[in-house]
Each structure stands twice: as structure tokens, then as C-alpha cells.
Amino acid sequence: MRIITFSEIVDFVGDYSRPLKEGSLAMDSIVTYGLSGEDRTKLEFFALCMSLTNPRKAPYEVNIIIDKVDNSLNCSCACKAENIEHCKHVIGFLMVLER
């Protein structure tokens, strides 16, 4: 089952390359992930992602909801980034789902 394409991730990120660069590094810090819910209109995923700057911290919880109707994304992360919908943990998790 196709979850998301790299092209869709690039569209989601927009004109900024930094989230893609940092997201590719964050992929390796995801310790667990899975499907947390599904119905006919959406897929819900969760992940736990270790801090890249302080690995002793508790993992951040990352949540991604993919709308099956319009392919829109609703993402969140428990990290302290200013834009938690496009933080490196979210983008890294999207890249894991793309594989």
C-alpha cells in the first residue's frame, strides 16, 4: 500500500530545503512507529523519535494523519520547534513512511 510519495513530502515542505536535510538525519532517530488508526477517510500514524541534540531526553511523540480523500496531511510533534508541523521529526517520519 502506498502511504506517501517523496514528491508529496516535497510539496508539503514547500520552498525550504532545511526540513528535508534535517528530516533525513532524523529518520535514524525514530525508535518505533506504527498505524494507530484507520477508517475510510484517513490513516493515523504515530512515532517516537529521539532528540538529535540530547539523546537522554524522553522521545518526542510524532503524529501524522493522512486524509485519504484529498491527501492532505495533519502533523504534530511534541518537540519545541517553532513550526511543529514541519519539524525535522515530522519530515523524518514522513520519509520513513515513504519507504
PDB file of N, CA and C in Angstrom:
ATOM      1  N   MET A   1       0.844  -1.182   0.000  1.00  0.00           N
ATOM      2  CA  MET A   1       0.000   0.000   0.000  1.00  0.00           C
ATOM      3  C   MET A   1       0.888   1.243   0.000  1.00  0.00           C
ATOM      4  N   ARG A   2       0.659   2.134  -0.918  1.00  0.00           N
ATOM      5  CA  ARG A   2       1.371   3.408  -0.973  1.00  0.00           C
ATOM      6  C   ARG A   2       0.814   4.331   0.098  1.00  0.00           C
ATOM      7  N   ILE A   3       1.695   4.839   0.944  1.00  0.00           N
ATOM      8  CA  ILE A   3       1.257   5.746   2.004  1.00  0.00           C
ATOM      9  C   ILE A   3       1.468   7.191   1.582  1.00  0.00           C
ATOM     10  N   ILE A   4       2.696   7.500   1.147  1.00  0.00           N
ATOM     11  CA  ILE A   4       3.030   8.859   0.718  1.00  0.00           C
ATOM     12  C   ILE A   4       4.215   8.775  -0.233  1.00  0.00           C
ATOM     13  N   THR A   5       4.280   9.697  -1.174  1.00  0.00           N
ATOM     14  CA  THR A   5       5.409   9.731  -2.105  1.00  0.00           C
ATOM     15  C   THR A   5       6.380  10.835  -1.700  1.00  0.00           C
ATOM     16  N   PHE A   6       7.614  10.724  -2.182  1.00  0.00           N
ATOM     17  CA  PHE A   6       8.595  11.759  -1.882  1.00  0.00           C
ATOM     18  C   PHE A   6       8.147  13.099  -2.464  1.00  0.00           C
ATOM     19  N   SER A   7       7.531  13.073  -3.618  1.00  0.00           N
ATOM     20  CA  SER A   7       7.021  14.295  -4.233  1.00  0.00           C
ATOM     21  C   SER A   7       5.987  14.981  -3.330  1.00  0.00           C
ATOM     22  N   GLU A   8       5.139  14.197  -2.686  1.00  0.00           N
ATOM     23  CA  GLU A   8       4.148  14.762  -1.762  1.00  0.00           C
ATOM     24  C   GLU A   8       4.831  15.362  -0.527  1.00  0.00           C
ATOM     25  N   ILE A   9       5.918  14.745  -0.081  1.00  0.00           N
ATOM     26  CA  ILE A   9       6.668  15.296   1.054  1.00  0.00           C
ATOM     27  C   ILE A   9       7.288  16.633   0.663  1.00  0.00           C
ATOM     28  N   VAL A  10       7.877  16.699  -0.526  1.00  0.00           N
ATOM     29  CA  VAL A  10       8.478  17.948  -1.010  1.00  0.00           C
ATOM     30  C   VAL A  10       7.406  19.036  -1.117  1.00  0.00           C
ATOM     31  N   ASP A  11       6.245  18.693  -1.634  1.00  0.00           N
ATOM     32  CA  ASP A  11       5.144  19.663  -1.725  1.00  0.00           C
ATOM     33  C   ASP A  11       4.719  20.134  -0.339  1.00  0.00           C
ATOM     34  N   PHE A  12       4.681  19.219   0.635  1.00  0.00           N
ATOM     35  CA  PHE A  12       4.292  19.554   1.997  1.00  0.00           C
ATOM     36  C   PHE A  12       5.293  20.515   2.635  1.00  0.00           C
ATOM     37  N   VAL A  13       6.584  20.289   2.407  1.00  0.00           N
ATOM     38  CA  VAL A  13       7.635  21.128   2.975  1.00  0.00           C
ATOM     39  C   VAL A  13       7.635  22.510   2.332  1.00  0.00           C
ATOM     40  N   GLY A  14       7.371  22.573   1.050  1.00  0.00           N
ATOM     41  CA  GLY A  14       7.360  23.859   0.355  1.00  0.00           C
ATOM     42  C   GLY A  14       8.742  24.235  -0.154  1.00  0.00           C
ATOM     43  N   ASP A  15       9.051  25.515  -0.092  1.00  0.00           N
ATOM     44  CA  ASP A  15      10.270  26.043  -0.693  1.00  0.00           C
ATOM     45  C   ASP A  15      11.518  25.928   0.166  1.00  0.00           C
ATOM     46  N   TYR A  16      11.428  25.274   1.285  1.00  0.00           N
ATOM     47  CA  TYR A  16      12.563  25.204   2.194  1.00  0.00           C
ATOM     48  C   TYR A  16      13.245  23.846   2.111  1.00  0.00           C
ATOM     49  N   SER A  17      14.556  23.853   1.950  1.00  0.00           N
ATOM     50  CA  SER A  17      15.291  22.589   1.868  1.00  0.00           C
ATOM     51  C   SER A  17      15.752  22.109   3.240  1.00  0.00           C
ATOM     52  N   ARG A  18      15.847  23.006   4.202  1.00  0.00           N
ATOM     53  CA  ARG A  18      16.348  22.622   5.523  1.00  0.00           C
ATOM     54  C   ARG A  18      15.558  21.475   6.162  1.00  0.00           C
ATOM     55  N   PRO A  19      14.202  21.512   6.164  1.00  0.00           N
ATOM     56  CA  PRO A  19      13.477  20.379   6.767  1.00  0.00           C
ATOM     57  C   PRO A  19      13.788  19.043   6.098  1.00  0.00           C
ATOM     58  N   LEU A  20      14.032  19.041   4.804  1.00  0.00           N
ATOM     59  CA  LEU A  20      14.370  17.793   4.113  1.00  0.00           C
ATOM     60  C   LEU A  20      15.748  17.291   4.536  1.00  0.00           C
ATOM     61  N   LYS A  21      16.709  18.210   4.641  1.00  0.00           N
ATOM     62  CA  LYS A  21      18.048  17.819   5.062  1.00  0.00           C
ATOM     63  C   LYS A  21      18.035  17.295   6.493  1.00  0.00           C
ATOM     64  N   GLU A  22      17.396  18.035   7.392  1.00  0.00           N
ATOM     65  CA  GLU A  22      17.357  17.623   8.794  1.00  0.00           C
ATOM     66  C   GLU A  22      16.458  16.405   8.984  1.00  0.00           C
ATOM     67  N   GLY A  23      15.395  16.315   8.201  1.00  0.00           N
ATOM     68  CA  GLY A  23      14.500  15.163   8.287  1.00  0.00           C
ATOM     69  C   GLY A  23      15.191  13.873   7.913  1.00  0.00           C
ATOM     70  N   SER A  24      16.086  13.957   6.928  1.00  0.00           N
ATOM     71  CA  SER A  24      16.805  12.739   6.539  1.00  0.00           C
ATOM     72  C   SER A  24      17.703  12.258   7.677  1.00  0.00           C
ATOM     73  N   LEU A  25      18.224  13.164   8.484  1.00  0.00           N
ATOM     74  CA  LEU A  25      19.019  12.785   9.658  1.00  0.00           C
ATOM     75  C   LEU A  25      18.120  12.221  10.764  1.00  0.00           C
ATOM     76  N   ALA A  26      16.929  12.795  10.900  1.00  0.00           N
ATOM     77  CA  ALA A  26      16.007  12.377  11.962  1.00  0.00           C
ATOM     78  C   ALA A  26      15.423  10.985  11.715  1.00  0.00           C
ATOM     79  N   MET A  27      15.465  10.513  10.492  1.00  0.00           N
ATOM     80  CA  MET A  27      14.928   9.179  10.183  1.00  0.00           C
ATOM     81  C   MET A  27      15.555   8.111  11.077  1.00  0.00           C
ATOM     82  N   ASP A  28      16.842   8.220  11.330  1.00  0.00           N
ATOM     83  CA  ASP A  28      17.550   7.230  12.128  1.00  0.00           C
ATOM     84  C   ASP A  28      17.253   7.330  13.618  1.00  0.00           C
ATOM     85  N   SER A  29      16.595   8.414  14.038  1.00  0.00           N
ATOM     86  CA  SER A  29      16.308   8.584  15.463  1.00  0.00           C
ATOM     87  C   SER A  29      14.905   8.096  15.838  1.00  0.00           C
ATOM     88  N   ILE A  30      14.169   7.558  14.878  1.00  0.00           N
ATOM     89  CA  ILE A  30      12.837   7.020  15.165  1.00  0.00           C
ATOM     90  C   ILE A  30      13.003   5.632  15.768  1.00  0.00           C
ATOM     91  N   VAL A  31      12.521   5.471  17.006  1.00  0.00           N
ATOM     92  CA  VAL A  31      12.722   4.196  17.703  1.00  0.00           C
ATOM     93  C   VAL A  31      11.561   3.231  17.510  1.00  0.00           C
ATOM     94  N   THR A  32      10.385   3.755  17.277  1.00  0.00           N
ATOM     95  CA  THR A  32       9.227   2.901  16.990  1.00  0.00           C
ATOM     96  C   THR A  32       8.174   3.725  16.267  1.00  0.00           C
ATOM     97  N   TYR A  33       7.379   3.060  15.451  1.00  0.00           N
ATOM     98  CA  TYR A  33       6.279   3.742  14.769  1.00  0.00           C
ATOM     99  C   TYR A  33       5.249   2.711  14.348  1.00  0.00           C
ATOM    100  N   GLY A  34       4.063   3.206  14.018  1.00  0.00           N
ATOM    101  CA  GLY A  34       3.025   2.298  13.568  1.00  0.00           C
ATOM    102  C   GLY A  34       1.753   3.022  13.179  1.00  0.00           C
ATOM    103  N   LEU A  35       0.810   2.234  12.742  1.00  0.00           N
ATOM    104  CA  LEU A  35      -0.514   2.723  12.378  1.00  0.00           C
ATOM    105  C   LEU A  35      -1.351   2.740  13.647  1.00  0.00           C
ATOM    106  N   SER A  36      -1.873   3.903  14.019  1.00  0.00           N
ATOM    107  CA  SER A  36      -2.659   3.997  15.248  1.00  0.00           C
ATOM    108  C   SER A  36      -4.157   4.028  14.989  1.00  0.00           C
ATOM    109  N   GLY A  37      -4.561   4.239  13.740  1.00  0.00           N
ATOM    110  CA  GLY A  37      -5.980   4.251  13.425  1.00  0.00           C
ATOM    111  C   GLY A  37      -6.218   4.362  11.931  1.00  0.00           C
ATOM    112  N   GLU A  38      -7.351   3.843  11.503  1.00  0.00           N
ATOM    113  CA  GLU A  38      -7.697   3.914  10.084  1.00  0.00           C
ATOM    114  C   GLU A  38      -9.207   3.816   9.950  1.00  0.00           C
ATOM    115  N   ASP A  39      -9.728   4.629   9.062  1.00  0.00           N
ATOM    116  CA  ASP A  39     -11.119   4.465   8.643  1.00  0.00           C
ATOM    117  C   ASP A  39     -11.168   4.754   7.152  1.00  0.00           C
ATOM    118  N   ARG A  40     -12.334   4.875   6.597  1.00  0.00           N
ATOM    119  CA  ARG A  40     -12.416   5.017   5.143  1.00  0.00           C
ATOM    120  C   ARG A  40     -11.908   6.369   4.641  1.00  0.00           C
ATOM    121  N   THR A  41     -11.742   7.342   5.546  1.00  0.00           N
ATOM    122  CA  THR A  41     -11.308   8.671   5.108  1.00  0.00           C
ATOM    123  C   THR A  41      -9.900   9.055   5.531  1.00  0.00           C
ATOM    124  N   LYS A  42      -9.297   8.331   6.488  1.00  0.00           N
ATOM    125  CA  LYS A  42      -7.979   8.760   6.952  1.00  0.00           C
ATOM    126  C   LYS A  42      -7.151   7.610   7.510  1.00  0.00           C
ATOM    127  N   LEU A  43      -5.832   7.843   7.501  1.00  0.00           N
ATOM    128  CA  LEU A  43      -4.849   6.964   8.138  1.00  0.00           C
ATOM    129  C   LEU A  43      -4.171   7.772   9.238  1.00  0.00           C
ATOM    130  N   GLU A  44      -4.016   7.169  10.414  1.00  0.00           N
ATOM    131  CA  GLU A  44      -3.350   7.848  11.526  1.00  0.00           C
ATOM    132  C   GLU A  44      -2.117   7.050  11.928  1.00  0.00           C
ATOM    133  N   PHE A  45      -0.963   7.745  12.003  1.00  0.00           N
ATOM    134  CA  PHE A  45       0.301   7.116  12.355  1.00  0.00           C
ATOM    135  C   PHE A  45       0.906   7.804  13.572  1.00  0.00           C
ATOM    136  N   PHE A  46       1.698   7.059  14.321  1.00  0.00           N
ATOM    137  CA  PHE A  46       2.431   7.618  15.449  1.00  0.00           C
ATOM    138  C   PHE A  46       3.881   7.146  15.366  1.00  0.00           C
ATOM    139  N   ALA A  47       4.750   7.912  15.997  1.00  0.00           N
ATOM    140  CA  ALA A  47       6.157   7.513  16.113  1.00  0.00           C
ATOM    141  C   ALA A  47       6.727   8.102  17.388  1.00  0.00           C
ATOM    142  N   LEU A  48       7.765   7.465  17.884  1.00  0.00           N
ATOM    143  CA  LEU A  48       8.584   8.027  18.952  1.00  0.00           C
ATOM    144  C   LEU A  48       9.944   8.297  18.356  1.00  0.00           C
ATOM    145  N   CYS A  49      10.422   9.517  18.529  1.00  0.00           N
ATOM    146  CA  CYS A  49      11.654   9.959  17.888  1.00  0.00           C
ATOM    147  C   CYS A  49      12.584  10.554  18.943  1.00  0.00           C
ATOM    148  N   MET A  50      13.789  10.047  18.995  1.00  0.00           N
ATOM    149  CA  MET A  50      14.774  10.553  19.951  1.00  0.00           C
ATOM    150  C   MET A  50      15.243  11.950  19.543  1.00  0.00           C
ATOM    151  N   SER A  51      15.583  12.749  20.538  1.00  0.00           N
ATOM    152  CA  SER A  51      16.160  14.065  20.289  1.00  0.00           C
ATOM    153  C   SER A  51      17.545  13.881  19.665  1.00  0.00           C
ATOM    154  N   LEU A  52      17.826  14.611  18.610  1.00  0.00           N
ATOM    155  CA  LEU A  52      19.136  14.531  17.976  1.00  0.00           C
ATOM    156  C   LEU A  52      20.178  15.311  18.771  1.00  0.00           C
ATOM    157  N   THR A  53      19.731  16.334  19.493  1.00  0.00           N
ATOM    158  CA  THR A  53      20.670  17.172  20.240  1.00  0.00           C
ATOM    159  C   THR A  53      20.874  16.697  21.672  1.00  0.00           C
ATOM    160  N   ASN A  54      19.905  15.966  22.221  1.00  0.00           N
ATOM    161  CA  ASN A  54      20.027  15.468  23.588  1.00  0.00           C
ATOM    162  C   ASN A  54      19.379  14.080  23.682  1.00  0.00           C
ATOM    163  N   PRO A  55      20.116  13.033  23.351  1.00  0.00           N
ATOM    164  CA  PRO A  55      19.541  11.683  23.333  1.00  0.00           C
ATOM    165  C   PRO A  55      19.082  11.170  24.699  1.00  0.00           C
ATOM    166  N   ARG A  56      19.434  11.860  25.778  1.00  0.00           N
ATOM    167  CA  ARG A  56      18.990  11.442  27.113  1.00  0.00           C
ATOM    168  C   ARG A  56      17.552  11.864  27.402  1.00  0.00           C
ATOM    169  N   LYS A  57      17.033  12.773  26.611  1.00  0.00           N
ATOM    170  CA  LYS A  57      15.649  13.220  26.784  1.00  0.00           C
ATOM    171  C   LYS A  57      14.685  12.108  26.380  1.00  0.00           C
ATOM    172  N   ALA A  58      13.495  12.166  26.937  1.00  0.00           N
ATOM    173  CA  ALA A  58      12.447  11.229  26.524  1.00  0.00           C
ATOM    174  C   ALA A  58      12.134  11.457  25.048  1.00  0.00           C
ATOM    175  N   PRO A  59      11.765  10.403  24.323  1.00  0.00           N
ATOM    176  CA  PRO A  59      11.457  10.569  22.892  1.00  0.00           C
ATOM    177  C   PRO A  59      10.265  11.509  22.672  1.00  0.00           C
ATOM    178  N   TYR A  60      10.301  12.188  21.545  1.00  0.00           N
ATOM    179  CA  TYR A  60       9.186  13.040  21.139  1.00  0.00           C
ATOM    180  C   TYR A  60       8.120  12.183  20.477  1.00  0.00           C
ATOM    181  N   GLU A  61       6.861  12.487  20.759  1.00  0.00           N
ATOM    182  CA  GLU A  61       5.768  11.796  20.082  1.00  0.00           C
ATOM    183  C   GLU A  61       5.418  12.564  18.819  1.00  0.00           C
ATOM    184  N   VAL A  62       5.373  11.854  17.712  1.00  0.00           N
ATOM    185  CA  VAL A  62       5.040  12.440  16.413  1.00  0.00           C
ATOM    186  C   VAL A  62       3.753  11.787  15.932  1.00  0.00           C
ATOM    187  N   ASN A  63       2.805  12.596  15.477  1.00  0.00           N
ATOM    188  CA  ASN A  63       1.534  12.088  14.963  1.00  0.00           C
ATOM    189  C   ASN A  63       1.293  12.639  13.569  1.00  0.00           C
ATOM    190  N   ILE A  64       0.863  11.772  12.679  1.00  0.00           N
ATOM    191  CA  ILE A  64       0.569  12.162  11.302  1.00  0.00           C
ATOM    192  C   ILE A  64      -0.777  11.573  10.911  1.00  0.00           C
ATOM    193  N   ILE A  65      -1.641  12.423  10.392  1.00  0.00           N
ATOM    194  CA  ILE A  65      -2.931  11.986   9.861  1.00  0.00           C
ATOM    195  C   ILE A  65      -2.937  12.305   8.371  1.00  0.00           C
ATOM    196  N   ILE A  66      -3.181  11.288   7.560  1.00  0.00           N
ATOM    197  CA  ILE A  66      -3.249  11.464   6.113  1.00  0.00           C
ATOM    198  C   ILE A  66      -4.700  11.300   5.695  1.00  0.00           C
ATOM    199  N   ASP A  67      -5.250  12.335   5.099  1.00  0.00           N
ATOM    200  CA  ASP A  67      -6.618  12.295   4.595  1.00  0.00           C
ATOM    201  C   ASP A  67      -6.617  11.514   3.286  1.00  0.00           C
ATOM    202  N   LYS A  68      -7.378  10.439   3.223  1.00  0.00           N
ATOM    203  CA  LYS A  68      -7.423   9.603   2.020  1.00  0.00           C
ATOM    204  C   LYS A  68      -8.176  10.270   0.875  1.00  0.00           C
ATOM    205  N   VAL A  69      -9.029  11.219   1.194  1.00  0.00           N
ATOM    206  CA  VAL A  69      -9.844  11.861   0.163  1.00  0.00           C
ATOM    207  C   VAL A  69      -9.034  12.888  -0.623  1.00  0.00           C
ATOM    208  N   ASP A  70      -8.365  13.798   0.091  1.00  0.00           N
ATOM    209  CA  ASP A  70      -7.631  14.856  -0.611  1.00  0.00           C
ATOM    210  C   ASP A  70      -6.115  14.795  -0.403  1.00  0.00           C
ATOM    211  N   ASN A  71      -5.624  13.719   0.246  1.00  0.00           N
ATOM    212  CA  ASN A  71      -4.197  13.517   0.514  1.00  0.00           C
ATOM    213  C   ASN A  71      -3.568  14.623   1.357  1.00  0.00           C
ATOM    214  N   SER A  72      -4.379  15.379   2.091  1.00  0.00           N
ATOM    215  CA  SER A  72      -3.821  16.408   2.964  1.00  0.00           C
ATOM    216  C   SER A  72      -3.197  15.761   4.195  1.00  0.00           C
ATOM    217  N   LEU A  73      -2.257  16.478   4.795  1.00  0.00           N
ATOM    218  CA  LEU A  73      -1.551  15.989   5.972  1.00  0.00           C
ATOM    219  C   LEU A  73      -1.843  16.880   7.163  1.00  0.00           C
ATOM    220  N   ASN A  74      -2.029  16.260   8.309  1.00  0.00           N
ATOM    221  CA  ASN A  74      -2.144  16.972   9.576  1.00  0.00           C
ATOM    222  C   ASN A  74      -1.093  16.345  10.480  1.00  0.00           C
ATOM    223  N   CYS A  75      -0.060  17.111  10.819  1.00  0.00           N
ATOM    224  CA  CYS A  75       1.086  16.557  11.534  1.00  0.00           C
ATOM    225  C   CYS A  75       1.347  17.342  12.806  1.00  0.00           C
ATOM    226  N   SER A  76       1.889  16.639  13.806  1.00  0.00           N
ATOM    227  CA  SER A  76       2.291  17.306  15.038  1.00  0.00           C
ATOM    228  C   SER A  76       3.459  16.563  15.663  1.00  0.00           C
ATOM    229  N   CYS A  77       4.203  17.296  16.473  1.00  0.00           N
ATOM    230  CA  CYS A  77       5.346  16.724  17.179  1.00  0.00           C
ATOM    231  C   CYS A  77       5.426  17.401  18.543  1.00  0.00           C
ATOM    232  N   ALA A  78       5.888  16.672  19.535  1.00  0.00           N
ATOM    233  CA  ALA A  78       5.996  17.207  20.891  1.00  0.00           C
ATOM    234  C   ALA A  78       7.298  17.974  21.125  1.00  0.00           C
ATOM    235  N   CYS A  79       8.112  18.143  20.094  1.00  0.00           N
ATOM    236  CA  CYS A  79       9.367  18.887  20.269  1.00  0.00           C
ATOM    237  C   CYS A  79       9.065  20.376  20.420  1.00  0.00           C
ATOM    238  N   LYS A  80      10.118  21.139  20.680  1.00  0.00           N
ATOM    239  CA  LYS A  80       9.928  22.571  20.920  1.00  0.00           C
ATOM    240  C   LYS A  80      10.146  23.442  19.679  1.00  0.00           C
ATOM    241  N   ALA A  81      10.183  22.840  18.516  1.00  0.00           N
ATOM    242  CA  ALA A  81      10.378  23.614  17.279  1.00  0.00           C
ATOM    243  C   ALA A  81       9.241  24.617  17.107  1.00  0.00           C
ATOM    244  N   GLU A  82       9.563  25.746  16.489  1.00  0.00           N
ATOM    245  CA  GLU A  82       8.559  26.776  16.260  1.00  0.00           C
ATOM    246  C   GLU A  82       7.445  26.300  15.334  1.00  0.00           C
ATOM    247  N   ASN A  83       7.803  25.550  14.325  1.00  0.00           N
ATOM    248  CA  ASN A  83       6.816  25.053  13.363  1.00  0.00           C
ATOM    249  C   ASN A  83       6.756  23.532  13.495  1.00  0.00           C
ATOM    250  N   ILE A  84       5.978  23.048  14.454  1.00  0.00           N
ATOM    251  CA  ILE A  84       5.982  21.614  14.755  1.00  0.00           C
ATOM    252  C   ILE A  84       5.387  20.771  13.634  1.00  0.00           C
ATOM    253  N   GLU A  85       4.634  21.379  12.734  1.00  0.00           N
ATOM    254  CA  GLU A  85       4.080  20.603  11.626  1.00  0.00           C
ATOM    255  C   GLU A  85       5.145  20.282  10.578  1.00  0.00           C
ATOM    256  N   HIS A  86       6.201  21.069  10.534  1.00  0.00           N
ATOM    257  CA  HIS A  86       7.272  20.856   9.556  1.00  0.00           C
ATOM    258  C   HIS A  86       8.623  20.635  10.222  1.00  0.00           C
ATOM    259  N   CYS A  87       8.640  20.191  11.465  1.00  0.00           N
ATOM    260  CA  CYS A  87       9.912  19.975  12.156  1.00  0.00           C
ATOM    261  C   CYS A  87      10.624  18.760  11.557  1.00  0.00           C
ATOM    262  N   LYS A  88      11.902  18.622  11.895  1.00  0.00           N
ATOM    263  CA  LYS A  88      12.706  17.535  11.332  1.00  0.00           C
ATOM    264  C   LYS A  88      12.172  16.162  11.721  1.00  0.00           C
ATOM    265  N   HIS A  89      11.525  16.052  12.889  1.00  0.00           N
ATOM    266  CA  HIS A  89      10.996  14.759  13.328  1.00  0.00           C
ATOM    267  C   HIS A  89       9.801  14.342  12.469  1.00  0.00           C
ATOM    268  N   VAL A  90       8.923  15.302  12.179  1.00  0.00           N
ATOM    269  CA  VAL A  90       7.770  15.033  11.310  1.00  0.00           C
ATOM    270  C   VAL A  90       8.245  14.664   9.909  1.00  0.00           C
ATOM    271  N   ILE A  91       9.161  15.453   9.357  1.00  0.00           N
ATOM    272  CA  ILE A  91       9.633  15.203   7.999  1.00  0.00           C
ATOM    273  C   ILE A  91      10.377  13.870   7.941  1.00  0.00           C
ATOM    274  N   GLY A  92      11.193  13.581   8.965  1.00  0.00           N
ATOM    275  CA  GLY A  92      11.882  12.296   9.016  1.00  0.00           C
ATOM    276  C   GLY A  92      10.908  11.135   9.059  1.00  0.00           C
ATOM    277  N   PHE A  93       9.827  11.276   9.825  1.00  0.00           N
ATOM    278  CA  PHE A  93       8.821  10.215   9.907  1.00  0.00           C
ATOM    279  C   PHE A  93       8.094  10.058   8.574  1.00  0.00           C
ATOM    280  N   LEU A  94       7.791  11.164   7.909  1.00  0.00           N
ATOM    281  CA  LEU A  94       7.185  11.076   6.575  1.00  0.00           C
ATOM    282  C   LEU A  94       8.101  10.324   5.615  1.00  0.00           C
ATOM    283  N   MET A  95       9.409  10.570   5.719  1.00  0.00           N
ATOM    284  CA  MET A  95      10.363   9.870   4.857  1.00  0.00           C
ATOM    285  C   MET A  95      10.402   8.370   5.171  1.00  0.00           C
ATOM    286  N   VAL A  96      10.259   8.016   6.429  1.00  0.00           N
ATOM    287  CA  VAL A  96      10.190   6.599   6.788  1.00  0.00           C
ATOM    288  C   VAL A  96       8.938   5.974   6.186  1.00  0.00           C
ATOM    289  N   LEU A  97       7.810   6.676   6.269  1.00  0.00           N
ATOM    290  CA  LEU A  97       6.560   6.149   5.695  1.00  0.00           C
ATOM    291  C   LEU A  97       6.628   6.043   4.180  1.00  0.00           C
ATOM    292  N   GLU A  98       7.441   6.900   3.554  1.00  0.00           N
ATOM    293  CA  GLU A  98       7.572   6.881   2.093  1.00  0.00           C
ATOM    294  C   GLU A  98       8.311   5.622   1.623  1.00  0.00           C
ATOM    295  N   ARG A  99       9.173   5.084   2.451  1.00  0.00           N
ATOM    296  CA  ARG A  99       9.965   3.909   2.058  1.00  0.00           C
ATOM    297  C   ARG A  99       9.097   2.738   1.909  1.00  0.00           C
TER     298      ARG A  99
END
